[in-house]
Amino acid sequence: MRYGQKALLPEPGTFPDEKALATFVLGKMNQWFHIEEQVPGRYWTGEETRIDAVLRPRQPDGWHDEEPAFGVEFKNLAPNTSTGERYGWVALAVGYTQCEWQGYGRLGIFLCPSPLTWLLSRADEIAAFRQRQISPEMLEKERERIRRYGRQFGKDYSDSYLDSEALIAHRRRLGEMTYEEFTARADGYANADAREREHDLRMAKELTHLLGQLSVGELMPYEDSGWTLMRSESRLWSEREGPAKVRYGLRPRVGSQRRRS
């Protein structure tokens, strides 16, 4: 992913199923690529499989490959998609790089959307959660918790008492959050959210390079470049700039890029 830019893919749950997602994306890509859907393939074990789509540029000039082509696999991520499901999808893509696809041979695989988008969105979710912690709704929850606690022991607390106890609990939460802010600033970050986001960005960056070494990339739309093919943080193509001048192509890499003496 391109971490300094904003991805424009709709939020999880926008599409009812993967077919609807694929129809939407392939409808966009059709102006730049020839598309063949449900292409059959075979693992090295002989087991048969299919990939959602194989794309070939309508204008192959400028691409690194002599006959550029790549596979795309879609996943309709939902808000409750588990980590296991996400990485199971990644494992499927890695396996697909070892397949022979009918009429194409081996292909680099691009996932849509990126399986790592959850890392980038998590910081915003954390910020929203912290905001709820200091909201009036949270204060009322504290009051209700104290009411229930009192009833268990036959006590009926007055509103003034509830306000004082709830405020104490509320301030305690603020104190905990302030401590997080303090330690974040001591570490050189603007605030706790910035520290959390930086951690997520570093993790996503490492995972993106790992996937790239396994010949798996991402097909995502971005604010500045539109729909973009990325692998190991390198742009291979975008709708606004066309194919990029890179030293490697779409096909799966074999072994290390460096020669050993």
Protein backbone atom coordinates (compact mmCIF):
# COMPACT_ATOMS: atom_id res chain seq x y z
CA MET A 1 0.00 0.00 0.00
CA ARG A 2 1.01 3.63 -0.45
CA TYR A 3 0.98 4.73 3.17
CA GLY A 4 1.27 8.47 2.60
CA GLN A 5 -1.89 8.60 0.53
CA LYS A 6 -5.56 7.96 1.09
CA ALA A 7 -7.12 4.76 -0.26
CA LEU A 8 -10.55 5.34 -1.78
CA LEU A 9 -12.01 1.85 -1.61
CA PRO A 10 -15.51 1.76 -0.04
CA GLU A 11 -15.81 0.73 3.58
CA PRO A 12 -16.18 -2.99 4.46
CA GLY A 13 -19.78 -4.08 4.05
CA THR A 14 -20.47 -1.79 1.07
CA PHE A 15 -20.95 -4.70 -1.32
CA PRO A 16 -23.37 -7.57 -0.62
CA ASP A 17 -20.95 -10.24 -1.85
CA GLU A 18 -17.67 -10.82 -3.68
CA LYS A 19 -19.38 -11.03 -7.06
CA ALA A 20 -20.75 -7.50 -6.64
CA LEU A 21 -17.30 -6.25 -5.61
CA ALA A 22 -15.64 -7.94 -8.60
CA THR A 23 -18.26 -6.56 -11.00
CA PHE A 24 -17.67 -3.03 -9.69
CA VAL A 25 -13.86 -3.19 -9.88
CA LEU A 26 -13.63 -5.03 -13.19
CA GLY A 27 -16.09 -2.56 -14.67
CA LYS A 28 -13.59 0.17 -13.82
CA MET A 29 -10.56 -1.78 -15.05
CA ASN A 30 -12.18 -2.75 -18.35
CA GLN A 31 -11.19 0.55 -19.98
CA TRP A 32 -7.48 -0.25 -19.55
CA PHE A 33 -7.37 -4.07 -19.57
CA HIS A 34 -8.71 -7.10 -21.39
CA ILE A 35 -10.41 -9.23 -18.73
CA GLU A 36 -11.01 -12.96 -18.53
CA GLU A 37 -12.98 -14.12 -15.51
CA GLN A 38 -12.91 -17.47 -13.70
CA VAL A 39 -9.72 -18.67 -15.35
CA PRO A 40 -8.93 -22.33 -14.59
CA GLY A 41 -5.55 -23.33 -13.25
CA ARG A 42 -3.66 -26.22 -11.72
CA TYR A 43 -1.40 -26.45 -8.67
CA TRP A 44 1.93 -28.24 -8.99
CA THR A 45 0.25 -31.12 -7.11
CA GLY A 46 -2.24 -31.51 -9.97
CA GLU A 47 -5.17 -30.12 -8.01
CA GLU A 48 -7.44 -27.87 -10.09
CA THR A 49 -8.56 -24.39 -9.07
CA ARG A 50 -9.86 -21.08 -10.49
CA ILE A 51 -8.93 -17.43 -10.07
CA ASP A 52 -11.45 -14.59 -10.14
CA ALA A 53 -9.90 -12.79 -13.12
CA VAL A 54 -6.82 -12.41 -15.32
CA LEU A 55 -6.10 -8.97 -16.77
CA ARG A 56 -3.98 -8.01 -19.80
CA PRO A 57 -3.22 -4.37 -20.74
CA ARG A 58 -5.02 -3.07 -23.81
CA GLN A 59 -1.85 -1.06 -24.50
CA PRO A 60 1.11 -3.32 -23.57
CA ASP A 61 3.74 -0.72 -24.55
CA GLY A 62 5.79 0.47 -21.60
CA TRP A 63 5.30 -2.62 -19.45
CA HIS A 64 8.35 -4.53 -18.25
CA ASP A 65 6.94 -7.88 -19.43
CA GLU A 66 6.80 -8.82 -23.10
CA GLU A 67 3.31 -10.26 -22.59
CA PRO A 68 2.03 -8.55 -19.43
CA ALA A 69 -0.73 -10.31 -17.53
CA PHE A 70 -1.68 -10.72 -13.88
CA GLY A 71 -4.29 -12.43 -11.75
CA VAL A 72 -6.72 -10.67 -9.42
CA GLU A 73 -8.47 -12.28 -6.47
CA PHE A 74 -11.28 -10.46 -4.67
CA LYS A 75 -12.40 -10.63 -1.06
CA ASN A 76 -15.52 -8.87 0.20
CA LEU A 77 -14.20 -7.88 3.61
CA ALA A 78 -16.87 -7.38 6.25
CA PRO A 79 -16.53 -5.41 9.51
CA ASN A 80 -16.31 -8.70 11.40
CA THR A 81 -13.84 -10.44 9.07
CA SER A 82 -11.40 -12.23 11.35
CA THR A 83 -7.62 -12.04 11.21
CA GLY A 84 -7.57 -15.75 10.36
CA GLU A 85 -9.81 -15.19 7.34
CA ARG A 86 -7.67 -12.30 6.12
CA TYR A 87 -4.43 -14.26 6.29
CA GLY A 88 -6.12 -17.35 4.90
CA TRP A 89 -6.90 -15.23 1.84
CA VAL A 90 -3.23 -14.20 1.68
CA ALA A 91 -2.15 -17.84 1.87
CA LEU A 92 -4.51 -18.63 -1.02
CA ALA A 93 -2.88 -15.88 -3.11
CA VAL A 94 0.62 -17.15 -2.36
CA GLY A 95 -0.46 -20.61 -3.47
CA TYR A 96 -1.88 -19.15 -6.67
CA THR A 97 1.56 -17.79 -7.65
CA GLN A 98 2.68 -21.43 -7.98
CA CYS A 99 -0.20 -22.40 -10.28
CA GLU A 100 -0.16 -22.80 -14.04
CA TRP A 101 -3.09 -20.81 -15.42
CA GLN A 102 -4.70 -21.91 -18.65
CA GLY A 103 -3.34 -19.82 -21.50
CA TYR A 104 -1.07 -17.75 -19.23
CA GLY A 105 1.35 -19.94 -17.29
CA ARG A 106 2.38 -18.64 -13.87
CA LEU A 107 1.09 -15.22 -12.84
CA GLY A 108 1.72 -12.61 -10.19
CA ILE A 109 -1.36 -12.26 -8.01
CA PHE A 110 -2.92 -8.99 -6.87
CA LEU A 111 -5.47 -8.84 -4.07
CA CYS A 112 -8.39 -6.44 -4.03
CA PRO A 113 -8.75 -4.83 -1.60
CA SER A 114 -5.46 -4.99 0.26
CA PRO A 115 -5.64 -7.48 3.16
CA LEU A 116 -3.75 -4.91 5.26
CA THR A 117 -6.27 -2.06 5.13
CA TRP A 118 -7.44 -2.98 8.64
CA LEU A 119 -4.08 -1.87 10.04
CA LEU A 120 -4.49 1.61 8.63
CA SER A 121 -8.10 2.00 9.70
CA ARG A 122 -7.48 0.72 13.23
CA ALA A 123 -5.94 4.00 14.44
CA ASP A 124 -9.09 5.88 13.50
CA GLU A 125 -11.20 3.28 15.30
CA ILE A 126 -9.05 3.63 18.42
CA ALA A 127 -9.43 7.40 18.32
CA ALA A 128 -13.21 7.07 18.03
CA PHE A 129 -13.28 4.63 20.95
CA ARG A 130 -11.31 7.02 23.14
CA GLN A 131 -13.69 9.81 22.25
CA ARG A 132 -16.60 7.64 23.38
CA GLN A 133 -14.79 7.09 26.67
CA ILE A 134 -15.10 10.78 27.53
CA SER A 135 -18.60 11.28 26.14
CA PRO A 136 -21.82 11.96 28.09
CA GLU A 137 -23.01 8.49 27.12
CA MET A 138 -20.01 6.97 28.87
CA LEU A 139 -20.71 9.07 31.96
CA GLU A 140 -24.29 7.80 32.07
CA LYS A 141 -23.01 4.22 31.80
CA GLU A 142 -20.89 4.87 34.87
CA ARG A 143 -23.96 6.12 36.75
CA GLU A 144 -25.97 3.04 35.78
CA ARG A 145 -23.13 0.74 36.82
CA ILE A 146 -23.07 2.36 40.27
CA ARG A 147 -26.89 2.09 40.54
CA ARG A 148 -26.74 -1.65 39.85
CA TYR A 149 -23.91 -2.11 42.31
CA GLY A 150 -25.89 -0.28 45.04
CA ARG A 151 -29.04 -2.32 44.48
CA GLN A 152 -27.10 -5.53 45.04
CA PHE A 153 -26.47 -4.35 48.60
CA GLY A 154 -29.86 -2.71 49.21
CA LYS A 155 -28.70 0.84 48.63
CA ASP A 156 -30.46 3.51 46.60
CA TYR A 157 -27.95 6.21 45.74
CA SER A 158 -29.10 9.81 45.25
CA ASP A 159 -28.50 11.66 41.98
CA SER A 160 -25.94 13.93 43.62
CA TYR A 161 -24.04 10.92 44.97
CA LEU A 162 -24.21 9.22 41.58
CA ASP A 163 -22.87 12.31 39.90
CA SER A 164 -19.92 12.48 42.27
CA GLU A 165 -19.12 8.75 42.03
CA ALA A 166 -19.59 8.66 38.29
CA LEU A 167 -17.39 11.69 37.87
CA ILE A 168 -14.66 10.09 39.96
CA ALA A 169 -14.77 6.99 37.74
CA HIS A 170 -14.90 9.19 34.66
CA ARG A 171 -11.90 11.22 35.79
CA ARG A 172 -10.04 8.00 36.53
CA ARG A 173 -10.54 7.00 32.90
CA LEU A 174 -9.32 10.43 31.82
CA GLY A 175 -6.28 9.95 34.02
CA GLU A 176 -5.51 6.63 32.37
CA MET A 177 -5.81 8.21 28.96
CA THR A 178 -3.64 11.14 30.04
CA TYR A 179 -0.96 8.66 31.13
CA GLU A 180 -1.05 7.11 27.66
CA GLU A 181 -0.66 10.56 26.15
CA PHE A 182 2.23 11.33 28.51
CA THR A 183 4.16 8.16 27.66
CA ALA A 184 3.53 8.70 23.95
CA ARG A 185 4.96 12.21 24.12
CA ALA A 186 7.90 10.92 26.14
CA ASP A 187 8.57 8.53 23.24
CA GLY A 188 8.61 11.46 20.82
CA TYR A 189 5.07 11.18 19.40
CA ALA A 190 2.47 13.93 19.21
CA ASN A 191 -0.06 11.77 21.09
CA ALA A 192 -1.07 8.17 21.79
CA ASP A 193 -3.00 7.91 18.52
CA ALA A 194 0.09 8.95 16.56
CA ARG A 195 2.17 6.28 18.31
CA GLU A 196 -0.44 3.60 17.62
CA ARG A 197 -0.73 4.62 13.98
CA GLU A 198 3.05 4.63 13.51
CA HIS A 199 3.20 1.11 14.93
CA ASP A 200 0.48 -0.06 12.54
CA LEU A 201 2.18 1.62 9.57
CA ARG A 202 5.48 -0.11 10.32
CA MET A 203 3.76 -3.48 10.62
CA ALA A 204 1.84 -2.96 7.37
CA LYS A 205 5.03 -1.90 5.60
CA GLU A 206 6.89 -5.03 6.70
CA LEU A 207 3.99 -7.29 5.70
CA THR A 208 3.68 -5.57 2.31
CA HIS A 209 7.35 -6.25 1.54
CA LEU A 210 6.96 -9.85 2.65
CA LEU A 211 3.98 -10.33 0.34
CA GLY A 212 5.92 -8.69 -2.49
CA GLN A 213 8.75 -11.16 -2.10
CA LEU A 214 6.11 -13.88 -2.50
CA SER A 215 4.86 -12.25 -5.75
CA VAL A 216 1.63 -10.99 -4.20
CA GLY A 217 0.59 -7.37 -4.71
CA GLU A 218 -2.45 -5.14 -4.21
CA LEU A 219 -4.99 -3.53 -6.52
CA MET A 220 -6.35 -0.41 -4.82
CA PRO A 221 -7.65 3.07 -5.76
CA TYR A 222 -5.80 6.08 -4.37
CA GLU A 223 -6.58 9.75 -4.07
CA ASP A 224 -3.76 10.99 -6.30
CA SER A 225 -3.26 8.18 -8.82
CA GLY A 226 -6.61 6.39 -9.13
CA TRP A 227 -6.61 2.61 -9.48
CA THR A 228 -3.11 1.35 -8.84
CA LEU A 229 -1.16 -1.90 -8.93
CA MET A 230 1.33 -2.05 -6.06
CA ARG A 231 3.88 -4.62 -4.94
CA SER A 232 6.42 -4.13 -2.15
CA GLU A 233 5.39 -0.45 -1.98
CA SER A 234 6.40 -0.01 -5.65
CA ARG A 235 3.87 1.22 -8.18
CA LEU A 236 3.71 -1.03 -11.25
CA TRP A 237 0.80 0.76 -12.92
CA SER A 238 -1.80 3.42 -12.22
CA GLU A 239 -4.73 4.73 -14.23
CA ARG A 240 -3.33 8.27 -14.30
CA GLU A 241 0.35 7.48 -14.94
CA GLY A 242 0.25 4.17 -16.79
CA PRO A 243 2.98 1.51 -16.39
CA ALA A 244 5.89 2.47 -14.17
CA LYS A 245 9.54 2.12 -15.10
CA VAL A 246 10.55 -0.67 -12.74
CA ARG A 247 13.24 -3.33 -12.96
CA TYR A 248 10.90 -6.27 -12.48
CA GLY A 249 7.65 -7.39 -14.04
CA LEU A 250 4.35 -8.93 -13.09
CA ARG A 251 5.43 -12.57 -13.26
CA PRO A 252 6.39 -14.39 -10.05
CA ARG A 253 9.95 -13.94 -8.92
CA VAL A 254 12.20 -16.99 -8.77
CA GLY A 255 14.74 -17.00 -5.95
CA SER A 256 16.60 -13.92 -4.72
CA GLN A 257 16.96 -10.79 -6.84
CA ARG A 258 20.65 -10.69 -5.95
CA ARG A 259 23.32 -13.00 -7.31
CA ARG A 260 25.49 -14.62 -4.73
CA SER A 261 29.20 -14.90 -5.42
